[in-house]
Amino acid sequence: YAGGAGCPACKETGYRGRTGIHELLVVDDDVRALIMKNADAAA
């Protein structure tokens, strides 16, 4: 879907309500080793 055309239900915004998106980083042995090396966020 594309954004709504706008209606009374969404107060002409095309969107109604919110939902969350999430990203869970588990610190395993590989990540732990990178932290110890002071690696950057990208690594």
PDB file of all heavy atoms in Angstrom:
ATOM      1  N   TYR A   1       0.816  -1.215   0.000  1.00  0.00           N
ATOM      2  CA  TYR A   1       0.000   0.000   0.000  1.00  0.00           C
ATOM      3  C   TYR A   1       0.851   1.267   0.000  1.00  0.00           C
ATOM      4  O   TYR A   1       1.952   1.298   0.556  1.00  0.00           O
ATOM      5  CB  TYR A   1      -0.910   0.019   1.233  1.00  0.00           C
ATOM      6  CG  TYR A   1      -1.899  -1.117   1.262  1.00  0.00           C
ATOM      7  CD1 TYR A   1      -1.682  -2.236   2.061  1.00  0.00           C
ATOM      8  CD2 TYR A   1      -3.047  -1.089   0.478  1.00  0.00           C
ATOM      9  CE1 TYR A   1      -2.578  -3.297   2.088  1.00  0.00           C
ATOM     10  CE2 TYR A   1      -3.952  -2.143   0.490  1.00  0.00           C
ATOM     11  CZ  TYR A   1      -3.714  -3.241   1.291  1.00  0.00           C
ATOM     12  OH  TYR A   1      -4.605  -4.285   1.310  1.00  0.00           O
ATOM     13  N   ALA A   2       0.287   2.282  -0.639  1.00  0.00           N
ATOM     14  CA  ALA A   2       0.830   3.633  -0.531  1.00  0.00           C
ATOM     15  C   ALA A   2       0.029   4.352   0.548  1.00  0.00           C
ATOM     16  O   ALA A   2      -0.974   3.831   1.033  1.00  0.00           O
ATOM     17  CB  ALA A   2       0.699   4.359  -1.862  1.00  0.00           C
ATOM     18  N   GLY A   3       0.485   5.533   0.954  1.00  0.00           N
ATOM     19  CA  GLY A   3      -0.250   6.307   1.944  1.00  0.00           C
ATOM     20  C   GLY A   3      -1.686   6.541   1.504  1.00  0.00           C
ATOM     21  O   GLY A   3      -1.975   6.630   0.308  1.00  0.00           O
ATOM     22  N   GLY A   4      -2.584   6.604   2.463  1.00  0.00           N
ATOM     23  CA  GLY A   4      -3.993   6.778   2.144  1.00  0.00           C
ATOM     24  C   GLY A   4      -4.281   8.110   1.469  1.00  0.00           C
ATOM     25  O   GLY A   4      -3.511   9.065   1.588  1.00  0.00           O
ATOM     26  N   ALA A   5      -5.398   8.174   0.788  1.00  0.00           N
ATOM     27  CA  ALA A   5      -5.792   9.410   0.107  1.00  0.00           C
ATOM     28  C   ALA A   5      -6.248  10.476   1.098  1.00  0.00           C
ATOM     29  O   ALA A   5      -6.247  11.665   0.786  1.00  0.00           O
ATOM     30  CB  ALA A   5      -6.917   9.110  -0.889  1.00  0.00           C
ATOM     31  N   GLY A   6      -6.616  10.034   2.306  1.00  0.00           N
ATOM     32  CA  GLY A   6      -7.117  10.973   3.316  1.00  0.00           C
ATOM     33  C   GLY A   6      -8.619  10.823   3.484  1.00  0.00           C
ATOM     34  O   GLY A   6      -9.360  10.841   2.489  1.00  0.00           O
ATOM     35  N   CYS A   7      -9.062  10.651   4.729  1.00  0.00           N
ATOM     36  CA  CYS A   7     -10.482  10.483   5.008  1.00  0.00           C
ATOM     37  C   CYS A   7     -10.760  10.948   6.438  1.00  0.00           C
ATOM     38  O   CYS A   7      -9.814  11.197   7.206  1.00  0.00           O
ATOM     39  CB  CYS A   7     -10.898   9.025   4.808  1.00  0.00           C
ATOM     40  SG  CYS A   7     -10.168   7.893   6.023  1.00  0.00           S
ATOM     41  N   PRO A   8     -12.024  11.071   6.826  1.00  0.00           N
ATOM     42  CA  PRO A   8     -12.328  11.507   8.195  1.00  0.00           C
ATOM     43  C   PRO A   8     -11.735  10.582   9.270  1.00  0.00           C
ATOM     44  O   PRO A   8     -11.357  11.040  10.349  1.00  0.00           O
ATOM     45  CB  PRO A   8     -13.862  11.485   8.238  1.00  0.00           C
ATOM     46  CG  PRO A   8     -14.277  11.680   6.817  1.00  0.00           C
ATOM     47  CD  PRO A   8     -13.240  10.981   5.993  1.00  0.00           C
ATOM     48  N   ALA A   9     -11.635   9.276   8.980  1.00  0.00           N
ATOM     49  CA  ALA A   9     -11.130   8.325   9.979  1.00  0.00           C
ATOM     50  C   ALA A   9      -9.681   8.618  10.368  1.00  0.00           C
ATOM     51  O   ALA A   9      -9.285   8.431  11.518  1.00  0.00           O
ATOM     52  CB  ALA A   9     -11.249   6.901   9.453  1.00  0.00           C
ATOM     53  N   CYS A  10      -8.874   9.074   9.395  1.00  0.00           N
ATOM     54  CA  CYS A  10      -7.462   9.349   9.673  1.00  0.00           C
ATOM     55  C   CYS A  10      -7.174  10.846   9.701  1.00  0.00           C
ATOM     56  O   CYS A  10      -6.022  11.267   9.642  1.00  0.00           O
ATOM     57  CB  CYS A  10      -6.565   8.663   8.637  1.00  0.00           C
ATOM     58  SG  CYS A  10      -6.796   9.254   6.932  1.00  0.00           S
ATOM     59  N   LYS A  11      -8.262  11.658   9.742  1.00  0.00           N
ATOM     60  CA  LYS A  11      -8.127  13.128   9.773  1.00  0.00           C
ATOM     61  C   LYS A  11      -7.344  13.641   8.565  1.00  0.00           C
ATOM     62  O   LYS A  11      -6.503  14.524   8.672  1.00  0.00           O
ATOM     63  CB  LYS A  11      -7.477  13.579  11.072  1.00  0.00           C
ATOM     64  CG  LYS A  11      -8.314  13.228  12.286  1.00  0.00           C
ATOM     65  CD  LYS A  11      -7.729  13.783  13.540  1.00  0.00           C
ATOM     66  CE  LYS A  11      -8.711  13.552  14.681  1.00  0.00           C
ATOM     67  NZ  LYS A  11      -8.174  13.046  15.891  1.00  0.00           N
ATOM     68  N   GLU A  12      -7.608  13.006   7.432  1.00  0.00           N
ATOM     69  CA  GLU A  12      -7.043  13.397   6.126  1.00  0.00           C
ATOM     70  C   GLU A  12      -5.524  13.233   6.040  1.00  0.00           C
ATOM     71  O   GLU A  12      -4.877  13.848   5.201  1.00  0.00           O
ATOM     72  CB  GLU A  12      -7.407  14.866   5.798  1.00  0.00           C
ATOM     73  CG  GLU A  12      -8.885  15.181   5.882  1.00  0.00           C
ATOM     74  CD  GLU A  12      -9.736  14.361   4.914  1.00  0.00           C
ATOM     75  OE1 GLU A  12      -9.223  13.981   3.850  1.00  0.00           O
ATOM     76  OE2 GLU A  12     -10.909  14.103   5.253  1.00  0.00           O
ATOM     77  N   THR A  13      -4.929  12.395   6.889  1.00  0.00           N
ATOM     78  CA  THR A  13      -3.471  12.220   6.862  1.00  0.00           C
ATOM     79  C   THR A  13      -3.030  11.010   6.047  1.00  0.00           C
ATOM     80  O   THR A  13      -1.881  10.939   5.611  1.00  0.00           O
ATOM     81  CB  THR A  13      -2.919  12.044   8.294  1.00  0.00           C
ATOM     82  OG1 THR A  13      -3.487  10.862   8.867  1.00  0.00           O
ATOM     83  CG2 THR A  13      -3.255  13.251   9.167  1.00  0.00           C
ATOM     84  N   GLY A  14      -3.925  10.051   5.869  1.00  0.00           N
ATOM     85  CA  GLY A  14      -3.549   8.825   5.159  1.00  0.00           C
ATOM     86  C   GLY A  14      -2.970   7.760   6.075  1.00  0.00           C
ATOM     87  O   GLY A  14      -2.733   6.627   5.649  1.00  0.00           O
ATOM     88  N   TYR A  15      -2.724   8.126   7.323  1.00  0.00           N
ATOM     89  CA  TYR A  15      -2.179   7.180   8.298  1.00  0.00           C
ATOM     90  C   TYR A  15      -3.021   7.218   9.562  1.00  0.00           C
ATOM     91  O   TYR A  15      -3.542   8.259   9.950  1.00  0.00           O
ATOM     92  CB  TYR A  15      -0.728   7.523   8.642  1.00  0.00           C
ATOM     93  CG  TYR A  15       0.227   7.353   7.495  1.00  0.00           C
ATOM     94  CD1 TYR A  15       0.510   8.418   6.635  1.00  0.00           C
ATOM     95  CD2 TYR A  15       0.861   6.136   7.268  1.00  0.00           C
ATOM     96  CE1 TYR A  15       1.386   8.268   5.574  1.00  0.00           C
ATOM     97  CE2 TYR A  15       1.744   5.971   6.205  1.00  0.00           C
ATOM     98  CZ  TYR A  15       2.007   7.042   5.364  1.00  0.00           C
ATOM     99  OH  TYR A  15       2.876   6.879   4.319  1.00  0.00           O
ATOM    100  N   ARG A  16      -3.116   6.056  10.234  1.00  0.00           N
ATOM    101  CA  ARG A  16      -3.894   6.000  11.465  1.00  0.00           C
ATOM    102  C   ARG A  16      -3.264   5.004  12.442  1.00  0.00           C
ATOM    103  O   ARG A  16      -3.176   3.822  12.157  1.00  0.00           O
ATOM    104  CB  ARG A  16      -5.328   5.565  11.157  1.00  0.00           C
ATOM    105  CG  ARG A  16      -6.259   5.689  12.353  1.00  0.00           C
ATOM    106  CD  ARG A  16      -7.642   5.208  11.994  1.00  0.00           C
ATOM    107  NE  ARG A  16      -8.562   5.402  13.097  1.00  0.00           N
ATOM    108  CZ  ARG A  16      -9.733   4.793  13.202  1.00  0.00           C
ATOM    109  NH1 ARG A  16     -10.118   3.950  12.255  1.00  0.00           N
ATOM    110  NH2 ARG A  16     -10.513   5.006  14.225  1.00  0.00           N
ATOM    111  N   GLY A  17      -2.797   5.504  13.563  1.00  0.00           N
ATOM    112  CA  GLY A  17      -2.139   4.663  14.560  1.00  0.00           C
ATOM    113  C   GLY A  17      -0.671   4.446  14.248  1.00  0.00           C
ATOM    114  O   GLY A  17      -0.149   4.914  13.228  1.00  0.00           O
ATOM    115  N   ARG A  18      -0.005   3.749  15.144  1.00  0.00           N
ATOM    116  CA  ARG A  18       1.427   3.489  14.968  1.00  0.00           C
ATOM    117  C   ARG A  18       1.759   2.048  15.322  1.00  0.00           C
ATOM    118  O   ARG A  18       1.008   1.382  16.032  1.00  0.00           O
ATOM    119  CB  ARG A  18       2.251   4.425  15.858  1.00  0.00           C
ATOM    120  CG  ARG A  18       2.091   5.882  15.472  1.00  0.00           C
ATOM    121  CD  ARG A  18       3.175   6.719  16.075  1.00  0.00           C
ATOM    122  NE  ARG A  18       3.032   8.109  15.646  1.00  0.00           N
ATOM    123  CZ  ARG A  18       4.027   8.970  15.566  1.00  0.00           C
ATOM    124  NH1 ARG A  18       5.246   8.609  15.882  1.00  0.00           N
ATOM    125  NH2 ARG A  18       3.814  10.206  15.170  1.00  0.00           N
ATOM    126  N   THR A  19       2.896   1.596  14.846  1.00  0.00           N
ATOM    127  CA  THR A  19       3.410   0.270  15.198  1.00  0.00           C
ATOM    128  C   THR A  19       4.919   0.384  15.347  1.00  0.00           C
ATOM    129  O   THR A  19       5.536   1.330  14.835  1.00  0.00           O
ATOM    130  CB  THR A  19       3.046  -0.775  14.120  1.00  0.00           C
ATOM    131  OG1 THR A  19       3.423  -2.078  14.585  1.00  0.00           O
ATOM    132  CG2 THR A  19       3.753  -0.497  12.795  1.00  0.00           C
ATOM    133  N   GLY A  20       5.517  -0.547  16.032  1.00  0.00           N
ATOM    134  CA  GLY A  20       6.952  -0.479  16.269  1.00  0.00           C
ATOM    135  C   GLY A  20       7.741  -1.394  15.354  1.00  0.00           C
ATOM    136  O   GLY A  20       7.256  -2.428  14.908  1.00  0.00           O
ATOM    137  N   ILE A  21       8.969  -0.982  15.054  1.00  0.00           N
ATOM    138  CA  ILE A  21       9.934  -1.873  14.411  1.00  0.00           C
ATOM    139  C   ILE A  21      11.127  -1.979  15.357  1.00  0.00           C
ATOM    140  O   ILE A  21      11.449  -1.024  16.074  1.00  0.00           O
ATOM    141  CB  ILE A  21      10.368  -1.408  13.012  1.00  0.00           C
ATOM    142  CG1 ILE A  21      10.905   0.031  13.052  1.00  0.00           C
ATOM    143  CG2 ILE A  21       9.229  -1.530  12.018  1.00  0.00           C
ATOM    144  CD1 ILE A  21      11.517   0.480  11.730  1.00  0.00           C
ATOM    145  N   HIS A  22      11.751  -3.141  15.376  1.00  0.00           N
ATOM    146  CA  HIS A  22      12.780  -3.401  16.375  1.00  0.00           C
ATOM    147  C   HIS A  22      14.001  -4.080  15.775  1.00  0.00           C
ATOM    148  O   HIS A  22      13.919  -4.719  14.731  1.00  0.00           O
ATOM    149  CB  HIS A  22      12.212  -4.282  17.493  1.00  0.00           C
ATOM    150  CG  HIS A  22      10.953  -3.740  18.097  1.00  0.00           C
ATOM    151  ND1 HIS A  22       9.705  -4.031  17.595  1.00  0.00           N
ATOM    152  CD2 HIS A  22      10.770  -2.914  19.141  1.00  0.00           C
ATOM    153  CE1 HIS A  22       8.790  -3.395  18.307  1.00  0.00           C
ATOM    154  NE2 HIS A  22       9.406  -2.726  19.254  1.00  0.00           N
ATOM    155  N   GLU A  23      15.113  -3.909  16.479  1.00  0.00           N
ATOM    156  CA  GLU A  23      16.394  -4.496  16.063  1.00  0.00           C
ATOM    157  C   GLU A  23      17.098  -4.961  17.337  1.00  0.00           C
ATOM    158  O   GLU A  23      17.432  -4.140  18.189  1.00  0.00           O
ATOM    159  CB  GLU A  23      17.203  -3.419  15.339  1.00  0.00           C
ATOM    160  CG  GLU A  23      18.638  -3.773  15.013  1.00  0.00           C
ATOM    161  CD  GLU A  23      19.351  -2.614  14.323  1.00  0.00           C
ATOM    162  OE1 GLU A  23      19.049  -2.361  13.145  1.00  0.00           O
ATOM    163  OE2 GLU A  23      20.186  -1.945  14.976  1.00  0.00           O
ATOM    164  N   LEU A  24      17.280  -6.271  17.485  1.00  0.00           N
ATOM    165  CA  LEU A  24      17.887  -6.815  18.704  1.00  0.00           C
ATOM    166  C   LEU A  24      19.292  -7.327  18.426  1.00  0.00           C
ATOM    167  O   LEU A  24      19.475  -8.281  17.676  1.00  0.00           O
ATOM    168  CB  LEU A  24      17.018  -7.950  19.266  1.00  0.00           C
ATOM    169  CG  LEU A  24      17.554  -8.616  20.549  1.00  0.00           C
ATOM    170  CD1 LEU A  24      17.599  -7.620  21.702  1.00  0.00           C
ATOM    171  CD2 LEU A  24      16.709  -9.829  20.909  1.00  0.00           C
ATOM    172  N   LEU A  25      20.264  -6.668  19.041  1.00  0.00           N
ATOM    173  CA  LEU A  25      21.663  -7.083  18.922  1.00  0.00           C
ATOM    174  C   LEU A  25      22.026  -7.888  20.173  1.00  0.00           C
ATOM    175  O   LEU A  25      22.020  -7.355  21.285  1.00  0.00           O
ATOM    176  CB  LEU A  25      22.578  -5.857  18.799  1.00  0.00           C
ATOM    177  CG  LEU A  25      24.067  -6.106  18.545  1.00  0.00           C
ATOM    178  CD1 LEU A  25      24.677  -4.876  17.861  1.00  0.00           C
ATOM    179  CD2 LEU A  25      24.853  -6.397  19.824  1.00  0.00           C
ATOM    180  N   VAL A  26      22.300  -9.170  19.992  1.00  0.00           N
ATOM    181  CA  VAL A  26      22.727 -10.027  21.103  1.00  0.00           C
ATOM    182  C   VAL A  26      24.253 -10.046  21.121  1.00  0.00           C
ATOM    183  O   VAL A  26      24.890 -10.302  20.098  1.00  0.00           O
ATOM    184  CB  VAL A  26      22.174 -11.455  20.940  1.00  0.00           C
ATOM    185  CG1 VAL A  26      22.689 -12.359  22.056  1.00  0.00           C
ATOM    186  CG2 VAL A  26      20.646 -11.426  20.939  1.00  0.00           C
ATOM    187  N   VAL A  27      24.829  -9.741  22.269  1.00  0.00           N
ATOM    188  CA  VAL A  27      26.296  -9.672  22.375  1.00  0.00           C
ATOM    189  C   VAL A  27      26.849 -11.089  22.540  1.00  0.00           C
ATOM    190  O   VAL A  27      26.907 -11.629  23.638  1.00  0.00           O
ATOM    191  CB  VAL A  27      26.722  -8.776  23.557  1.00  0.00           C
ATOM    192  CG1 VAL A  27      28.250  -8.699  23.644  1.00  0.00           C
ATOM    193  CG2 VAL A  27      26.134  -7.378  23.399  1.00  0.00           C
ATOM    194  N   ASP A  28      27.230 -11.690  21.414  1.00  0.00           N
ATOM    195  CA  ASP A  28      27.818 -13.033  21.436  1.00  0.00           C
ATOM    196  C   ASP A  28      29.345 -12.910  21.466  1.00  0.00           C
ATOM    197  O   ASP A  28      29.893 -11.813  21.603  1.00  0.00           O
ATOM    198  CB  ASP A  28      27.341 -13.859  20.241  1.00  0.00           C
ATOM    199  CG  ASP A  28      27.686 -13.207  18.904  1.00  0.00           C
ATOM    200  OD1 ASP A  28      28.501 -12.256  18.888  1.00  0.00           O
ATOM    201  OD2 ASP A  28      27.144 -13.642  17.867  1.00  0.00           O
ATOM    202  N   ASP A  29      30.044 -14.021  21.333  1.00  0.00           N
ATOM    203  CA  ASP A  29      31.509 -14.019  21.436  1.00  0.00           C
ATOM    204  C   ASP A  29      32.162 -13.167  20.351  1.00  0.00           C
ATOM    205  O   ASP A  29      33.163 -12.486  20.606  1.00  0.00           O
ATOM    206  CB  ASP A  29      32.046 -15.451  21.363  1.00  0.00           C
ATOM    207  CG  ASP A  29      31.710 -16.252  22.621  1.00  0.00           C
ATOM    208  OD1 ASP A  29      31.402 -15.632  23.649  1.00  0.00           O
ATOM    209  OD2 ASP A  29      31.743 -17.501  22.555  1.00  0.00           O
ATOM    210  N   ASP A  30      31.614 -13.204  19.123  1.00  0.00           N
ATOM    211  CA  ASP A  30      32.196 -12.420  18.021  1.00  0.00           C
ATOM    212  C   ASP A  30      32.049 -10.926  18.282  1.00  0.00           C
ATOM    213  O   ASP A  30      33.003 -10.148  18.089  1.00  0.00           O
ATOM    214  CB  ASP A  30      31.515 -12.786  16.694  1.00  0.00           C
ATOM    215  CG  ASP A  30      31.846 -14.199  16.251  1.00  0.00           C
ATOM    216  OD1 ASP A  30      32.906 -14.704  16.663  1.00  0.00           O
ATOM    217  OD2 ASP A  30      31.048 -14.788  15.495  1.00  0.00           O
ATOM    218  N   VAL A  31      30.857 -10.511  18.714  1.00  0.00           N
ATOM    219  CA  VAL A  31      30.630  -9.093  19.016  1.00  0.00           C
ATOM    220  C   VAL A  31      31.486  -8.672  20.206  1.00  0.00           C
ATOM    221  O   VAL A  31      32.075  -7.589  20.218  1.00  0.00           O
ATOM    222  CB  VAL A  31      29.137  -8.836  19.296  1.00  0.00           C
ATOM    223  CG1 VAL A  31      28.916  -7.416  19.823  1.00  0.00           C
ATOM    224  CG2 VAL A  31      28.303  -9.075  18.045  1.00  0.00           C
ATOM    225  N   ARG A  32      31.587  -9.564  21.201  1.00  0.00           N
ATOM    226  CA  ARG A  32      32.397  -9.266  22.395  1.00  0.00           C
ATOM    227  C   ARG A  32      33.860  -9.022  22.010  1.00  0.00           C
ATOM    228  O   ARG A  32      34.508  -8.101  22.524  1.00  0.00           O
ATOM    229  CB  ARG A  32      32.264 -10.431  23.376  1.00  0.00           C
ATOM    230  CG  ARG A  32      32.538 -10.079  24.816  1.00  0.00           C
ATOM    231  CD  ARG A  32      32.087 -11.168  25.773  1.00  0.00           C
ATOM    232  NE  ARG A  32      30.656 -11.047  26.043  1.00  0.00           N
ATOM    233  CZ  ARG A  32      29.764 -11.972  25.767  1.00  0.00           C
ATOM    234  NH1 ARG A  32      30.138 -13.102  25.192  1.00  0.00           N
ATOM    235  NH2 ARG A  32      28.505 -11.790  26.055  1.00  0.00           N
ATOM    236  N   ALA A  33      34.371  -9.825  21.088  1.00  0.00           N
ATOM    237  CA  ALA A  33      35.765  -9.673  20.646  1.00  0.00           C
ATOM    238  C   ALA A  33      35.964  -8.342  19.936  1.00  0.00           C
ATOM    239  O   ALA A  33      36.995  -7.674  20.110  1.00  0.00           O
ATOM    240  CB  ALA A  33      36.146 -10.826  19.729  1.00  0.00           C
ATOM    241  N   LEU A  34      34.970  -7.934  19.140  1.00  0.00           N
ATOM    242  CA  LEU A  34      35.063  -6.648  18.436  1.00  0.00           C
ATOM    243  C   LEU A  34      35.031  -5.477  19.419  1.00  0.00           C
ATOM    244  O   LEU A  34      35.750  -4.486  19.244  1.00  0.00           O
ATOM    245  CB  LEU A  34      33.913  -6.517  17.432  1.00  0.00           C
ATOM    246  CG  LEU A  34      34.014  -7.389  16.176  1.00  0.00           C
ATOM    247  CD1 LEU A  34      32.715  -7.340  15.380  1.00  0.00           C
ATOM    248  CD2 LEU A  34      35.178  -6.933  15.301  1.00  0.00           C
ATOM    249  N   ILE A  35      34.197  -5.589  20.448  1.00  0.00           N
ATOM    250  CA  ILE A  35      34.137  -4.522  21.461  1.00  0.00           C
ATOM    251  C   ILE A  35      35.490  -4.395  22.150  1.00  0.00           C
ATOM    252  O   ILE A  35      35.974  -3.284  22.385  1.00  0.00           O
ATOM    253  CB  ILE A  35      33.030  -4.808  22.497  1.00  0.00           C
ATOM    254  CG1 ILE A  35      31.656  -4.817  21.829  1.00  0.00           C
ATOM    255  CG2 ILE A  35      33.053  -3.755  23.611  1.00  0.00           C
ATOM    256  CD1 ILE A  35      30.528  -5.299  22.732  1.00  0.00           C
ATOM    257  N   MET A  36      36.115  -5.534  22.459  1.00  0.00           N
ATOM    258  CA  MET A  36      37.422  -5.521  23.117  1.00  0.00           C
ATOM    259  C   MET A  36      38.482  -4.846  22.252  1.00  0.00           C
ATOM    260  O   MET A  36      39.412  -4.225  22.759  1.00  0.00           O
ATOM    261  CB  MET A  36      37.857  -6.961  23.429  1.00  0.00           C
ATOM    262  CG  MET A  36      37.048  -7.618  24.529  1.00  0.00           C
ATOM    263  SD  MET A  36      37.428  -6.961  26.155  1.00  0.00           S
ATOM    264  CE  MET A  36      39.016  -7.699  26.447  1.00  0.00           C
ATOM    265  N   LYS A  37      38.321  -4.976  20.921  1.00  0.00           N
ATOM    266  CA  LYS A  37      39.270  -4.346  19.988  1.00  0.00           C
ATOM    267  C   LYS A  37      38.924  -2.880  19.727  1.00  0.00           C
ATOM    268  O   LYS A  37      39.560  -2.229  18.893  1.00  0.00           O
ATOM    269  CB  LYS A  37      39.270  -5.094  18.660  1.00  0.00           C
ATOM    270  CG  LYS A  37      39.819  -6.502  18.739  1.00  0.00           C
ATOM    271  CD  LYS A  37      39.682  -7.182  17.373  1.00  0.00           C
ATOM    272  CE  LYS A  37      40.125  -8.624  17.441  1.00  0.00           C
ATOM    273  NZ  LYS A  37      39.859  -9.343  16.172  1.00  0.00           N
ATOM    274  N   ASN A  38      37.854  -2.382  20.402  1.00  0.00           N
ATOM    275  CA  ASN A  38      37.396  -1.000  20.206  1.00  0.00           C
ATOM    276  C   ASN A  38      36.954  -0.765  18.757  1.00  0.00           C
ATOM    277  O   ASN A  38      37.224   0.289  18.182  1.00  0.00           O
ATOM    278  CB  ASN A  38      38.498  -0.010  20.585  1.00  0.00           C
ATOM    279  CG  ASN A  38      37.923   1.269  21.174  1.00  0.00           C
ATOM    280  OD1 ASN A  38      36.711   1.413  21.298  1.00  0.00           O
ATOM    281  ND2 ASN A  38      38.792   2.204  21.508  1.00  0.00           N
ATOM    282  N   ALA A  39      36.292  -1.760  18.173  1.00  0.00           N
ATOM    283  CA  ALA A  39      35.829  -1.659  16.784  1.00  0.00           C
ATOM    284  C   ALA A  39      34.712  -0.632  16.675  1.00  0.00           C
ATOM    285  O   ALA A  39      34.042  -0.303  17.669  1.00  0.00           O
ATOM    286  CB  ALA A  39      35.335  -3.019  16.303  1.00  0.00           C
ATOM    287  N   ASP A  40      34.510  -0.125  15.451  1.00  0.00           N
ATOM    288  CA  ASP A  40      33.446   0.863  15.264  1.00  0.00           C
ATOM    289  C   ASP A  40      32.088   0.183  15.151  1.00  0.00           C
ATOM    290  O   ASP A  40      31.980  -1.045  15.061  1.00  0.00           O
ATOM    291  CB  ASP A  40      33.719   1.745  14.036  1.00  0.00           C
ATOM    292  CG  ASP A  40      33.823   0.941  12.739  1.00  0.00           C
ATOM    293  OD1 ASP A  40      33.367  -0.215  12.723  1.00  0.00           O
ATOM    294  OD2 ASP A  40      34.344   1.488  11.749  1.00  0.00           O
ATOM    295  N   ALA A  41      31.031   1.012  15.146  1.00  0.00           N
ATOM    296  CA  ALA A  41      29.656   0.491  15.146  1.00  0.00           C
ATOM    297  C   ALA A  41      29.364  -0.323  13.890  1.00  0.00           C
ATOM    298  O   ALA A  41      28.632  -1.314  13.944  1.00  0.00           O
ATOM    299  CB  ALA A  41      28.661   1.642  15.274  1.00  0.00           C
ATOM    300  N   ALA A  42      29.955   0.070  12.751  1.00  0.00           N
ATOM    301  CA  ALA A  42      29.694  -0.630  11.495  1.00  0.00           C
ATOM    302  C   ALA A  42      30.193  -2.074  11.555  1.00  0.00           C
ATOM    303  O   ALA A  42      29.521  -3.000  11.092  1.00  0.00           O
ATOM    304  CB  ALA A  42      30.353   0.104  10.336  1.00  0.00           C
ATOM    305  N   ALA A  43      31.369  -2.281  12.141  1.00  0.00           N
ATOM    306  CA  ALA A  43      31.930  -3.633  12.253  1.00  0.00           C
ATOM    307  C   ALA A  43      31.079  -4.491  13.187  1.00  0.00           C
ATOM    308  O   ALA A  43      30.818  -5.667  12.916  1.00  0.00           O
ATOM    309  CB  ALA A  43      33.368  -3.560  12.757  1.00  0.00           C
TER     310      ALA A  43
END
